[in-house]
Every structure is written in structure tokens, then in C-alpha cells.
Amino acid sequence: MEGYQNVSLAQNVGWSMTRVVIGFLLGCLFGIPLGFAMGLNGWLRGWFDPIVEFMRPVPPLALIPLVIIWFGIWEQGKISLLFLASLWIMTIAARAGVSGVNITKVHAAYSLGASKRQVLTKVILPNSLPEIFTGARVAMGVCWGTVVAAELVAAEKGAGKMIIAASKFQQTDIVIMGIVIIGIIGYSIEILMRKAEDRLVPWKGKS
């Protein structure tokens, strides 16, 4: 099977997933440390909180024209858009995780002689992981929806590109198949993230 327009379905989905994973990981790489810093340092929170809260309600798709102007329509632009889509979600999740840590646990750790680094790695980080994973699930869902929409605007390969190309030729069966596949993959991502959370954060919901 040659696929659609000489690009197989696996290739289209693979390109979309690759973009999502790279953008999501970059968002985690910068967003989680920023969220931790904001949660632990009042001065940094005062500086960055207005920026984060301003950007949080802005739909990622509203940034497409700006991203195209700055980065072009190629891979750098799409990954930058996905990075921005996940950055603020992961920042807020990490900040909420740190802020939600029970202060009595911190005091107990210090009273037992723990250093600041030990408190961070043994108390704050583990207790923040449930919020971070919740944010990660949301971020992955947002990234998946964003990449498909971005590919509708400009892409040579991807699930969104396949759908928009088929729609131009009124090939309804290809469009419906693409929509179904997008939904299945989005649901699969959610299930995988939940399973990863159950395995890596078994203490979630337990005091």
C-alpha cells in the first residue's frame, strides 16, 4: 500500500508523533525547572507569574501566525509552537506541585537533619510528581491537537496534512479515517500517560 499521495499512513502519523514528543519534552525541560523555581522562590514567582498567567489562556493556535513569521513554516516553527503549547502547562503544574507540598513534611525532614538538597529531592520532588504528571497528560493532549492543526496550515507530511490534502479533493473517506485515527491516537496517549503515572507515582492520593 502506497498510502496517500505517496506517503504511508505510518509515515504521516510518525511525523506528527515525532513533532509532539520533541515539543513536549522541550516544554518539560524548561517548564518544570521554571515552575519549581517559582514555587520555591517568591522573588522569581513575582517576576514570572504575570507572564505565565498571561500566556496560559492564550490558545496555541493563536500563536501560529507569529511562529510562522519568526521561525518559518518548517519543522522549527512547528516544534516551537508545540514547545510553547506545553511550556506554560508544565510550568503551572510544577509550581502547583511545589506549592501543594505539606509544609509539615518539610519541617519534619529538616528536624531529622536533612539538607536543602535532600529536602528538595526526597520530599518536595516526590510530592510534586502527581501534579506534574497531571500537567503532562494535559500538555500531551494539547500538543497532539495543536500539531494536527499546525499541519493543516503548513506541512509536507503529517496527519493534519493528510486530512487537508484529502479535503481539497473532497475525499471524504480519507478525511474521516484521518479524524478517527487522530482520536484513537489521542486516546491511546492518555491511557499510556495514566499507566505511566500509576507505575511511577504509586503514592498519588495517599498522604
N, C-alpha and C. Protein backbone atom coordinates (compact mmCIF):
# COMPACT_ATOMS: atom_id res chain seq x y z
N MET A 1 0.85 -1.21 0.00
CA MET A 1 0.00 0.00 0.00
C MET A 1 0.87 1.25 0.00
N GLU A 2 0.62 2.17 -0.97
CA GLU A 2 1.45 3.35 -1.12
C GLU A 2 1.04 4.47 -0.17
N GLY A 3 -0.12 4.34 0.46
CA GLY A 3 -0.58 5.40 1.33
C GLY A 3 -1.28 6.49 0.53
N TYR A 4 -1.30 7.69 1.08
CA TYR A 4 -1.96 8.80 0.41
C TYR A 4 -0.92 9.77 -0.10
N GLN A 5 -0.97 10.07 -1.39
CA GLN A 5 -0.01 10.95 -2.07
C GLN A 5 1.43 10.48 -1.82
N ASN A 6 1.61 9.17 -1.97
CA ASN A 6 2.93 8.54 -1.86
C ASN A 6 3.55 8.63 -0.45
N VAL A 7 2.73 8.92 0.53
CA VAL A 7 3.20 8.94 1.92
C VAL A 7 2.30 7.97 2.69
N SER A 8 2.90 6.97 3.32
CA SER A 8 2.10 5.97 4.03
C SER A 8 1.47 6.56 5.28
N LEU A 9 0.44 5.90 5.75
CA LEU A 9 -0.23 6.34 6.98
C LEU A 9 0.74 6.33 8.16
N ALA A 10 1.58 5.30 8.23
CA ALA A 10 2.54 5.21 9.32
C ALA A 10 3.51 6.38 9.29
N GLN A 11 3.93 6.80 8.09
CA GLN A 11 4.84 7.94 7.99
C GLN A 11 4.17 9.23 8.45
N ASN A 12 2.93 9.43 8.02
CA ASN A 12 2.20 10.64 8.42
C ASN A 12 2.05 10.71 9.94
N VAL A 13 1.60 9.60 10.52
CA VAL A 13 1.43 9.55 11.98
C VAL A 13 2.78 9.68 12.68
N GLY A 14 3.81 9.04 12.13
CA GLY A 14 5.14 9.10 12.73
C GLY A 14 5.68 10.52 12.76
N TRP A 15 5.49 11.26 11.69
CA TRP A 15 5.95 12.65 11.66
C TRP A 15 5.22 13.48 12.72
N SER A 16 3.92 13.28 12.82
CA SER A 16 3.15 14.04 13.81
C SER A 16 3.60 13.70 15.23
N MET A 17 3.77 12.41 15.53
CA MET A 17 4.16 11.99 16.86
C MET A 17 5.56 12.48 17.20
N THR A 18 6.47 12.46 16.23
CA THR A 18 7.83 12.95 16.48
C THR A 18 7.81 14.42 16.87
N ARG A 19 7.04 15.20 16.16
CA ARG A 19 6.93 16.63 16.49
C ARG A 19 6.36 16.83 17.89
N VAL A 20 5.32 16.06 18.20
CA VAL A 20 4.69 16.18 19.52
C VAL A 20 5.66 15.84 20.64
N VAL A 21 6.38 14.73 20.49
CA VAL A 21 7.30 14.28 21.54
C VAL A 21 8.42 15.30 21.75
N ILE A 22 8.99 15.81 20.66
CA ILE A 22 10.08 16.78 20.80
C ILE A 22 9.58 18.05 21.45
N GLY A 23 8.46 18.58 20.98
CA GLY A 23 7.91 19.80 21.57
C GLY A 23 7.53 19.63 23.03
N PHE A 24 6.92 18.47 23.34
CA PHE A 24 6.52 18.19 24.73
C PHE A 24 7.75 18.09 25.64
N LEU A 25 8.78 17.36 25.20
CA LEU A 25 9.98 17.20 26.03
C LEU A 25 10.68 18.54 26.25
N LEU A 26 10.72 19.38 25.23
CA LEU A 26 11.31 20.71 25.40
C LEU A 26 10.50 21.54 26.40
N GLY A 27 9.18 21.42 26.32
CA GLY A 27 8.33 22.12 27.28
C GLY A 27 8.57 21.67 28.70
N CYS A 28 8.77 20.35 28.89
CA CYS A 28 9.09 19.81 30.21
C CYS A 28 10.47 20.28 30.68
N LEU A 29 11.42 20.27 29.76
CA LEU A 29 12.80 20.62 30.09
C LEU A 29 12.92 22.03 30.65
N PHE A 30 12.12 22.94 30.11
CA PHE A 30 12.18 24.33 30.56
C PHE A 30 11.06 24.65 31.55
N GLY A 31 9.89 24.05 31.37
CA GLY A 31 8.74 24.41 32.19
C GLY A 31 8.82 23.89 33.62
N ILE A 32 9.28 22.64 33.79
CA ILE A 32 9.33 22.07 35.14
C ILE A 32 10.33 22.81 36.03
N PRO A 33 11.58 23.06 35.58
CA PRO A 33 12.50 23.85 36.43
C PRO A 33 11.97 25.24 36.72
N LEU A 34 11.34 25.88 35.73
CA LEU A 34 10.79 27.21 35.96
C LEU A 34 9.67 27.16 37.01
N GLY A 35 8.81 26.15 36.91
CA GLY A 35 7.73 26.01 37.89
C GLY A 35 8.26 25.75 39.29
N PHE A 36 9.30 24.91 39.38
CA PHE A 36 9.92 24.65 40.67
C PHE A 36 10.52 25.93 41.25
N ALA A 37 11.22 26.68 40.40
CA ALA A 37 11.84 27.92 40.86
C ALA A 37 10.78 28.91 41.36
N MET A 38 9.67 28.99 40.64
CA MET A 38 8.59 29.89 41.06
C MET A 38 7.95 29.43 42.36
N GLY A 39 7.85 28.11 42.54
CA GLY A 39 7.24 27.60 43.76
C GLY A 39 8.12 27.75 44.97
N LEU A 40 9.44 27.77 44.75
CA LEU A 40 10.38 27.82 45.87
C LEU A 40 10.89 29.22 46.17
N ASN A 41 10.78 30.12 45.20
CA ASN A 41 11.36 31.46 45.36
C ASN A 41 10.29 32.51 45.08
N GLY A 42 9.95 33.26 46.12
CA GLY A 42 8.91 34.27 45.98
C GLY A 42 9.28 35.38 45.00
N TRP A 43 10.56 35.72 44.94
CA TRP A 43 11.01 36.78 44.04
C TRP A 43 10.82 36.37 42.59
N LEU A 44 11.22 35.14 42.26
CA LEU A 44 11.03 34.64 40.90
C LEU A 44 9.56 34.49 40.55
N ARG A 45 8.78 34.06 41.52
CA ARG A 45 7.34 33.93 41.28
C ARG A 45 6.73 35.29 40.96
N GLY A 46 7.17 36.32 41.68
CA GLY A 46 6.65 37.66 41.42
C GLY A 46 6.97 38.14 40.02
N TRP A 47 8.14 37.76 39.50
CA TRP A 47 8.54 38.17 38.16
C TRP A 47 7.84 37.38 37.06
N PHE A 48 7.79 36.07 37.23
CA PHE A 48 7.31 35.22 36.14
C PHE A 48 5.81 34.93 36.19
N ASP A 49 5.21 35.06 37.36
CA ASP A 49 3.79 34.72 37.49
C ASP A 49 2.90 35.52 36.54
N PRO A 50 3.10 36.84 36.40
CA PRO A 50 2.26 37.58 35.45
C PRO A 50 2.42 37.09 34.00
N ILE A 51 3.64 36.72 33.63
CA ILE A 51 3.89 36.24 32.27
C ILE A 51 3.17 34.91 32.04
N VAL A 52 3.33 34.00 33.01
CA VAL A 52 2.72 32.68 32.89
C VAL A 52 1.21 32.78 32.86
N GLU A 53 0.64 33.59 33.74
CA GLU A 53 -0.81 33.72 33.81
C GLU A 53 -1.36 34.46 32.59
N PHE A 54 -0.54 35.32 31.99
CA PHE A 54 -0.97 35.99 30.76
C PHE A 54 -1.00 35.03 29.58
N MET A 55 0.02 34.17 29.49
CA MET A 55 0.13 33.26 28.36
C MET A 55 -0.76 32.04 28.50
N ARG A 56 -1.10 31.66 29.73
CA ARG A 56 -1.85 30.43 29.97
C ARG A 56 -3.16 30.36 29.20
N PRO A 57 -4.00 31.41 29.18
CA PRO A 57 -5.28 31.28 28.47
C PRO A 57 -5.19 31.49 26.96
N VAL A 58 -4.00 31.86 26.46
CA VAL A 58 -3.86 32.11 25.02
C VAL A 58 -3.82 30.77 24.28
N PRO A 59 -4.76 30.49 23.38
CA PRO A 59 -4.73 29.22 22.64
C PRO A 59 -3.46 29.10 21.81
N PRO A 60 -2.81 27.94 21.81
CA PRO A 60 -1.60 27.79 21.00
C PRO A 60 -1.81 28.12 19.53
N LEU A 61 -3.00 27.84 19.01
CA LEU A 61 -3.26 28.09 17.59
C LEU A 61 -3.24 29.58 17.27
N ALA A 62 -3.51 30.42 18.28
CA ALA A 62 -3.46 31.86 18.06
C ALA A 62 -2.03 32.34 17.81
N LEU A 63 -1.05 31.51 18.19
CA LEU A 63 0.35 31.87 18.02
C LEU A 63 0.91 31.46 16.66
N ILE A 64 0.11 30.72 15.87
CA ILE A 64 0.62 30.21 14.59
C ILE A 64 1.14 31.32 13.68
N PRO A 65 0.39 32.42 13.47
CA PRO A 65 0.92 33.47 12.58
C PRO A 65 2.25 34.04 13.06
N LEU A 66 2.36 34.24 14.39
CA LEU A 66 3.60 34.79 14.94
C LEU A 66 4.76 33.80 14.80
N VAL A 67 4.47 32.52 15.04
CA VAL A 67 5.51 31.50 14.91
C VAL A 67 5.98 31.39 13.47
N ILE A 68 5.07 31.49 12.52
CA ILE A 68 5.45 31.43 11.11
C ILE A 68 6.35 32.61 10.74
N ILE A 69 6.02 33.79 11.27
CA ILE A 69 6.83 34.98 10.99
C ILE A 69 8.23 34.82 11.56
N TRP A 70 8.32 34.30 12.77
CA TRP A 70 9.61 34.20 13.45
C TRP A 70 10.45 33.00 13.00
N PHE A 71 9.78 31.85 12.82
CA PHE A 71 10.52 30.60 12.60
C PHE A 71 10.26 29.95 11.23
N GLY A 72 9.30 30.49 10.47
CA GLY A 72 9.00 29.89 9.18
C GLY A 72 8.01 28.75 9.32
N ILE A 73 7.73 28.07 8.18
CA ILE A 73 6.71 27.02 8.16
C ILE A 73 7.31 25.63 8.30
N TRP A 74 8.61 25.52 8.48
CA TRP A 74 9.24 24.21 8.51
C TRP A 74 9.24 23.64 9.93
N GLU A 75 10.04 22.64 10.17
CA GLU A 75 9.99 21.90 11.43
C GLU A 75 10.24 22.80 12.64
N GLN A 76 11.16 23.73 12.52
CA GLN A 76 11.48 24.60 13.65
C GLN A 76 10.24 25.35 14.13
N GLY A 77 9.42 25.81 13.18
CA GLY A 77 8.21 26.54 13.54
C GLY A 77 7.20 25.65 14.26
N LYS A 78 6.99 24.44 13.75
CA LYS A 78 6.01 23.54 14.37
C LYS A 78 6.46 23.12 15.77
N ILE A 79 7.74 22.78 15.92
CA ILE A 79 8.24 22.35 17.23
C ILE A 79 8.21 23.52 18.21
N SER A 80 8.51 24.72 17.73
CA SER A 80 8.44 25.90 18.61
C SER A 80 7.02 26.12 19.11
N LEU A 81 6.05 25.91 18.23
CA LEU A 81 4.64 26.06 18.63
C LEU A 81 4.26 25.03 19.68
N LEU A 82 4.70 23.80 19.50
CA LEU A 82 4.40 22.74 20.47
C LEU A 82 5.12 22.98 21.78
N PHE A 83 6.33 23.51 21.69
CA PHE A 83 7.08 23.88 22.90
C PHE A 83 6.30 24.91 23.71
N LEU A 84 5.80 25.93 23.04
CA LEU A 84 5.03 26.97 23.74
C LEU A 84 3.71 26.42 24.27
N ALA A 85 3.13 25.47 23.53
CA ALA A 85 1.86 24.87 23.98
C ALA A 85 2.02 24.11 25.28
N SER A 86 3.16 23.45 25.45
CA SER A 86 3.38 22.63 26.65
C SER A 86 4.11 23.39 27.76
N LEU A 87 4.86 24.43 27.40
CA LEU A 87 5.68 25.14 28.39
C LEU A 87 4.86 25.67 29.55
N TRP A 88 3.80 26.41 29.24
CA TRP A 88 3.04 27.06 30.32
C TRP A 88 2.27 26.05 31.15
N ILE A 89 1.79 24.99 30.51
CA ILE A 89 1.07 23.95 31.26
C ILE A 89 2.01 23.27 32.25
N MET A 90 3.21 22.92 31.81
CA MET A 90 4.16 22.24 32.69
C MET A 90 4.67 23.18 33.78
N THR A 91 4.83 24.45 33.45
CA THR A 91 5.26 25.43 34.46
C THR A 91 4.23 25.55 35.57
N ILE A 92 2.97 25.68 35.20
CA ILE A 92 1.90 25.81 36.19
C ILE A 92 1.76 24.52 37.00
N ALA A 93 1.90 23.36 36.35
CA ALA A 93 1.78 22.09 37.07
C ALA A 93 2.90 21.94 38.10
N ALA A 94 4.13 22.27 37.70
CA ALA A 94 5.26 22.15 38.64
C ALA A 94 5.13 23.16 39.78
N ARG A 95 4.70 24.36 39.46
CA ARG A 95 4.50 25.37 40.50
C ARG A 95 3.43 24.94 41.49
N ALA A 96 2.32 24.39 40.97
CA ALA A 96 1.25 23.91 41.84
C ALA A 96 1.71 22.74 42.68
N GLY A 97 2.53 21.86 42.10
CA GLY A 97 3.04 20.72 42.84
C GLY A 97 3.90 21.14 44.02
N VAL A 98 4.78 22.09 43.79
CA VAL A 98 5.65 22.58 44.87
C VAL A 98 4.83 23.30 45.93
N SER A 99 3.91 24.15 45.48
CA SER A 99 3.09 24.93 46.44
C SER A 99 2.18 24.03 47.27
N GLY A 100 1.83 22.86 46.74
CA GLY A 100 0.92 21.97 47.44
C GLY A 100 1.58 21.00 48.40
N VAL A 101 2.92 21.04 48.50
CA VAL A 101 3.63 20.14 49.40
C VAL A 101 3.28 20.49 50.85
N ASN A 102 2.94 19.50 51.63
CA ASN A 102 2.60 19.72 53.04
C ASN A 102 3.83 20.23 53.78
N ILE A 103 3.71 21.42 54.34
CA ILE A 103 4.86 22.06 54.99
C ILE A 103 5.35 21.27 56.19
N THR A 104 4.46 20.49 56.82
CA THR A 104 4.89 19.70 57.98
C THR A 104 5.90 18.64 57.58
N LYS A 105 5.79 18.13 56.34
CA LYS A 105 6.78 17.15 55.87
C LYS A 105 8.15 17.80 55.72
N VAL A 106 8.15 19.02 55.25
CA VAL A 106 9.42 19.75 55.09
C VAL A 106 10.05 20.00 56.46
N HIS A 107 9.24 20.46 57.41
CA HIS A 107 9.76 20.71 58.76
C HIS A 107 10.26 19.42 59.40
N ALA A 108 9.54 18.33 59.17
CA ALA A 108 9.95 17.05 59.73
C ALA A 108 11.29 16.61 59.16
N ALA A 109 11.48 16.82 57.85
CA ALA A 109 12.74 16.44 57.22
C ALA A 109 13.90 17.26 57.77
N TYR A 110 13.68 18.56 57.93
CA TYR A 110 14.74 19.42 58.49
C TYR A 110 15.06 19.04 59.93
N SER A 111 14.01 18.69 60.69
CA SER A 111 14.24 18.33 62.10
C SER A 111 15.02 17.03 62.23
N LEU A 112 14.99 16.20 61.19
CA LEU A 112 15.74 14.95 61.19
C LEU A 112 17.15 15.12 60.61
N GLY A 113 17.50 16.37 60.29
CA GLY A 113 18.85 16.65 59.83
C GLY A 113 19.04 16.65 58.33
N ALA A 114 17.97 16.69 57.56
CA ALA A 114 18.09 16.68 56.11
C ALA A 114 18.63 18.01 55.61
N SER A 115 19.43 17.95 54.54
CA SER A 115 19.94 19.17 53.91
C SER A 115 18.88 19.72 52.95
N LYS A 116 19.14 20.93 52.44
CA LYS A 116 18.18 21.52 51.49
C LYS A 116 18.06 20.66 50.25
N ARG A 117 19.18 20.10 49.81
CA ARG A 117 19.13 19.25 48.61
C ARG A 117 18.33 17.98 48.88
N GLN A 118 18.49 17.42 50.05
CA GLN A 118 17.74 16.21 50.38
C GLN A 118 16.25 16.51 50.51
N VAL A 119 15.91 17.65 51.08
CA VAL A 119 14.50 18.05 51.18
C VAL A 119 13.90 18.21 49.79
N LEU A 120 14.69 18.81 48.88
CA LEU A 120 14.20 19.01 47.51
C LEU A 120 13.98 17.69 46.80
N THR A 121 14.96 16.78 46.89
CA THR A 121 14.90 15.53 46.12
C THR A 121 14.06 14.45 46.79
N LYS A 122 14.00 14.45 48.12
CA LYS A 122 13.32 13.37 48.84
C LYS A 122 11.92 13.75 49.33
N VAL A 123 11.63 15.04 49.42
CA VAL A 123 10.33 15.47 49.93
C VAL A 123 9.54 16.25 48.88
N ILE A 124 10.14 17.36 48.41
CA ILE A 124 9.40 18.24 47.51
C ILE A 124 9.15 17.59 46.15
N LEU A 125 10.19 17.02 45.54
CA LEU A 125 10.04 16.42 44.22
C LEU A 125 9.02 15.26 44.20
N PRO A 126 9.15 14.27 45.10
CA PRO A 126 8.17 13.17 45.08
C PRO A 126 6.73 13.63 45.30
N ASN A 127 6.55 14.62 46.18
CA ASN A 127 5.20 15.11 46.45
C ASN A 127 4.66 16.01 45.35
N SER A 128 5.55 16.48 44.48
CA SER A 128 5.12 17.31 43.36
C SER A 128 4.78 16.49 42.12
N LEU A 129 5.28 15.26 42.06
CA LEU A 129 5.12 14.44 40.86
C LEU A 129 3.66 14.21 40.44
N PRO A 130 2.72 14.00 41.37
CA PRO A 130 1.33 13.83 40.93
C PRO A 130 0.81 15.01 40.12
N GLU A 131 1.08 16.23 40.58
CA GLU A 131 0.65 17.41 39.84
C GLU A 131 1.37 17.52 38.51
N ILE A 132 2.66 17.18 38.50
CA ILE A 132 3.44 17.26 37.27
C ILE A 132 2.91 16.27 36.23
N PHE A 133 2.57 15.06 36.67
CA PHE A 133 2.05 14.07 35.73
C PHE A 133 0.67 14.48 35.21
N THR A 134 -0.14 15.08 36.07
CA THR A 134 -1.43 15.58 35.60
C THR A 134 -1.22 16.64 34.53
N GLY A 135 -0.27 17.54 34.78
CA GLY A 135 0.06 18.55 33.78
C GLY A 135 0.59 17.94 32.50
N ALA A 136 1.39 16.88 32.64
CA ALA A 136 1.96 16.22 31.46
C ALA A 136 0.86 15.61 30.60
N ARG A 137 -0.13 15.01 31.24
CA ARG A 137 -1.24 14.43 30.47
C ARG A 137 -1.99 15.51 29.70
N VAL A 138 -2.24 16.63 30.36
CA VAL A 138 -2.92 17.73 29.69
C VAL A 138 -2.06 18.28 28.56
N ALA A 139 -0.76 18.45 28.82
CA ALA A 139 0.14 19.02 27.82
C ALA A 139 0.24 18.14 26.59
N MET A 140 0.31 16.82 26.79
CA MET A 140 0.39 15.91 25.65
C MET A 140 -0.88 16.00 24.80
N GLY A 141 -2.03 16.08 25.45
CA GLY A 141 -3.28 16.22 24.71
C GLY A 141 -3.34 17.51 23.92
N VAL A 142 -2.92 18.60 24.55
CA VAL A 142 -2.90 19.89 23.87
C VAL A 142 -1.92 19.87 22.70
N CYS A 143 -0.74 19.27 22.91
CA CYS A 143 0.26 19.19 21.84
C CYS A 143 -0.25 18.38 20.66
N TRP A 144 -0.94 17.28 20.93
CA TRP A 144 -1.45 16.45 19.84
C TRP A 144 -2.49 17.20 19.02
N GLY A 145 -3.39 17.90 19.68
CA GLY A 145 -4.37 18.70 18.95
C GLY A 145 -3.73 19.86 18.21
N THR A 146 -2.71 20.44 18.81
CA THR A 146 -2.03 21.59 18.19
C THR A 146 -1.24 21.18 16.95
N VAL A 147 -0.56 20.03 17.01
CA VAL A 147 0.26 19.63 15.87
C VAL A 147 -0.61 19.32 14.66
N VAL A 148 -1.76 18.71 14.89
CA VAL A 148 -2.66 18.42 13.77
C VAL A 148 -3.13 19.72 13.14
N ALA A 149 -3.50 20.70 13.97
CA ALA A 149 -3.95 21.99 13.44
C ALA A 149 -2.81 22.72 12.73
N ALA A 150 -1.61 22.64 13.27
CA ALA A 150 -0.46 23.29 12.64
C ALA A 150 -0.17 22.67 11.28
N GLU A 151 -0.34 21.36 11.18
CA GLU A 151 -0.10 20.67 9.91
C GLU A 151 -1.17 21.02 8.88
N LEU A 152 -2.35 21.42 9.34
CA LEU A 152 -3.38 21.87 8.42
C LEU A 152 -2.96 23.16 7.73
N VAL A 153 -2.15 23.96 8.44
CA VAL A 153 -1.71 25.25 7.89
C VAL A 153 -0.55 25.06 6.93
N ALA A 154 0.47 24.33 7.38
CA ALA A 154 1.65 24.16 6.54
C ALA A 154 2.44 22.93 6.97
N ALA A 155 2.52 21.95 6.09
CA ALA A 155 3.32 20.76 6.35
C ALA A 155 3.41 19.93 5.07
N GLU A 156 4.48 19.19 4.95
CA GLU A 156 4.62 18.27 3.82
C GLU A 156 4.17 16.86 4.22
N LYS A 157 4.30 16.53 5.49
CA LYS A 157 3.89 15.23 5.99
C LYS A 157 3.23 15.41 7.34
N GLY A 158 2.34 14.48 7.70
CA GLY A 158 1.67 14.54 8.99
C GLY A 158 0.20 14.21 8.84
N ALA A 159 -0.43 13.88 9.96
CA ALA A 159 -1.85 13.51 9.94
C ALA A 159 -2.71 14.68 9.48
N GLY A 160 -2.40 15.87 9.96
CA GLY A 160 -3.15 17.06 9.55
C GLY A 160 -3.01 17.35 8.07
N LYS A 161 -1.78 17.19 7.57
CA LYS A 161 -1.53 17.40 6.14
C LYS A 161 -2.35 16.43 5.30
N MET A 162 -2.43 15.18 5.73
CA MET A 162 -3.20 14.17 5.01
C MET A 162 -4.67 14.57 4.93
N ILE A 163 -5.21 15.06 6.04
CA ILE A 163 -6.62 15.44 6.08
C ILE A 163 -6.90 16.63 5.18
N ILE A 164 -6.09 17.66 5.27
CA ILE A 164 -6.35 18.87 4.48
C ILE A 164 -6.15 18.60 3.00
N ALA A 165 -5.18 17.75 2.65
CA ALA A 165 -4.96 17.41 1.24
C ALA A 165 -6.15 16.62 0.69
N ALA A 166 -6.67 15.69 1.49
CA ALA A 166 -7.83 14.90 1.05
C ALA A 166 -9.07 15.76 0.92
N SER A 167 -9.22 16.75 1.80
CA SER A 167 -10.41 17.60 1.76
C SER A 167 -10.45 18.44 0.49
N LYS A 168 -9.29 18.82 -0.01
CA LYS A 168 -9.24 19.63 -1.23
C LYS A 168 -9.79 18.86 -2.43
N PHE A 169 -9.66 17.54 -2.37
CA PHE A 169 -10.16 16.70 -3.46
C PHE A 169 -11.48 16.02 -3.08
N GLN A 170 -12.09 16.50 -1.96
CA GLN A 170 -13.38 16.00 -1.49
C GLN A 170 -13.37 14.48 -1.28
N GLN A 171 -12.27 13.98 -0.78
CA GLN A 171 -12.16 12.55 -0.48
C GLN A 171 -12.57 12.33 0.97
N THR A 172 -13.88 12.23 1.15
CA THR A 172 -14.46 12.16 2.49
C THR A 172 -13.95 10.96 3.28
N ASP A 173 -13.75 9.83 2.61
CA ASP A 173 -13.32 8.64 3.33
C ASP A 173 -11.95 8.82 3.97
N ILE A 174 -11.03 9.51 3.27
CA ILE A 174 -9.69 9.77 3.81
C ILE A 174 -9.79 10.73 5.00
N VAL A 175 -10.63 11.75 4.84
CA VAL A 175 -10.79 12.74 5.92
C VAL A 175 -11.34 12.06 7.18
N ILE A 176 -12.39 11.25 7.03
CA ILE A 176 -12.99 10.57 8.18
C ILE A 176 -11.99 9.60 8.81
N MET A 177 -11.26 8.86 7.97
CA MET A 177 -10.25 7.95 8.50
C MET A 177 -9.19 8.71 9.30
N GLY A 178 -8.77 9.87 8.78
CA GLY A 178 -7.78 10.68 9.50
C GLY A 178 -8.30 11.15 10.84
N ILE A 179 -9.55 11.59 10.87
CA ILE A 179 -10.15 12.06 12.13
C ILE A 179 -10.22 10.92 13.15
N VAL A 180 -10.65 9.75 12.68
CA VAL A 180 -10.74 8.59 13.57
C VAL A 180 -9.37 8.23 14.13
N ILE A 181 -8.36 8.23 13.27
CA ILE A 181 -7.01 7.88 13.71
C ILE A 181 -6.48 8.89 14.71
N ILE A 182 -6.76 10.17 14.46
CA ILE A 182 -6.33 11.22 15.40
C ILE A 182 -6.97 10.99 16.77
N GLY A 183 -8.27 10.66 16.77
CA GLY A 183 -8.95 10.40 18.03
C GLY A 183 -8.40 9.18 18.75
N ILE A 184 -8.13 8.11 18.00
CA ILE A 184 -7.59 6.88 18.60
C ILE A 184 -6.22 7.13 19.21
N ILE A 185 -5.37 7.85 18.48
CA ILE A 185 -4.03 8.12 18.99
C ILE A 185 -4.09 9.02 20.22
N GLY A 186 -4.96 10.04 20.19
CA GLY A 186 -5.11 10.91 21.36
C GLY A 186 -5.56 10.13 22.58
N TYR A 187 -6.51 9.22 22.39
CA TYR A 187 -6.99 8.39 23.50
C TYR A 187 -5.88 7.45 23.98
N SER A 188 -5.12 6.89 23.05
CA SER A 188 -4.02 5.99 23.42
C SER A 188 -2.95 6.71 24.22
N ILE A 189 -2.66 7.95 23.84
CA ILE A 189 -1.68 8.75 24.58
C ILE A 189 -2.14 8.94 26.02
N GLU A 190 -3.42 9.25 26.19
CA GLU A 190 -3.97 9.45 27.54
C GLU A 190 -3.86 8.18 28.38
N ILE A 191 -4.18 7.04 27.78
CA ILE A 191 -4.10 5.77 28.51
C ILE A 191 -2.67 5.47 28.90
N LEU A 192 -1.73 5.66 27.99
CA LEU A 192 -0.32 5.40 28.27
C LEU A 192 0.20 6.32 29.37
N MET A 193 -0.20 7.58 29.33
CA MET A 193 0.24 8.52 30.37
C MET A 193 -0.32 8.13 31.74
N ARG A 194 -1.56 7.66 31.76
CA ARG A 194 -2.16 7.22 33.03
C ARG A 194 -1.44 6.00 33.59
N LYS A 195 -1.11 5.07 32.71
CA LYS A 195 -0.39 3.87 33.15
C LYS A 195 1.00 4.23 33.66
N ALA A 196 1.68 5.15 32.97
CA ALA A 196 2.99 5.59 33.42
C ALA A 196 2.89 6.27 34.78
N GLU A 197 1.84 7.05 34.97
CA GLU A 197 1.64 7.72 36.25
C GLU A 197 1.39 6.71 37.37
N ASP A 198 0.56 5.71 37.11
CA ASP A 198 0.28 4.69 38.13
C ASP A 198 1.55 3.93 38.52
N ARG A 199 2.43 3.71 37.55
CA ARG A 199 3.65 2.96 37.83
C ARG A 199 4.71 3.82 38.53
N LEU A 200 4.85 5.07 38.09
CA LEU A 200 5.93 5.92 38.59
C LEU A 200 5.54 6.72 39.82
N VAL A 201 4.23 6.93 40.01
CA VAL A 201 3.76 7.71 41.18
C VAL A 201 2.69 6.91 41.91
N PRO A 202 3.08 5.75 42.49
CA PRO A 202 2.08 4.91 43.15
C PRO A 202 1.51 5.53 44.43
N TRP A 203 2.17 6.56 44.94
CA TRP A 203 1.70 7.19 46.19
C TRP A 203 0.68 8.30 45.93
N LYS A 204 0.29 8.52 44.67
CA LYS A 204 -0.68 9.58 44.39
C LYS A 204 -1.99 9.32 45.13
N GLY A 205 -2.51 10.34 45.77
CA GLY A 205 -3.76 10.22 46.51
C GLY A 205 -3.59 9.72 47.92
N LYS A 206 -2.32 9.43 48.30
CA LYS A 206 -2.06 8.95 49.65
C LYS A 206 -1.27 10.00 50.41
N SER A 207 -1.66 10.25 51.61
CA SER A 207 -0.98 11.27 52.41
C SER A 207 0.31 10.75 52.97
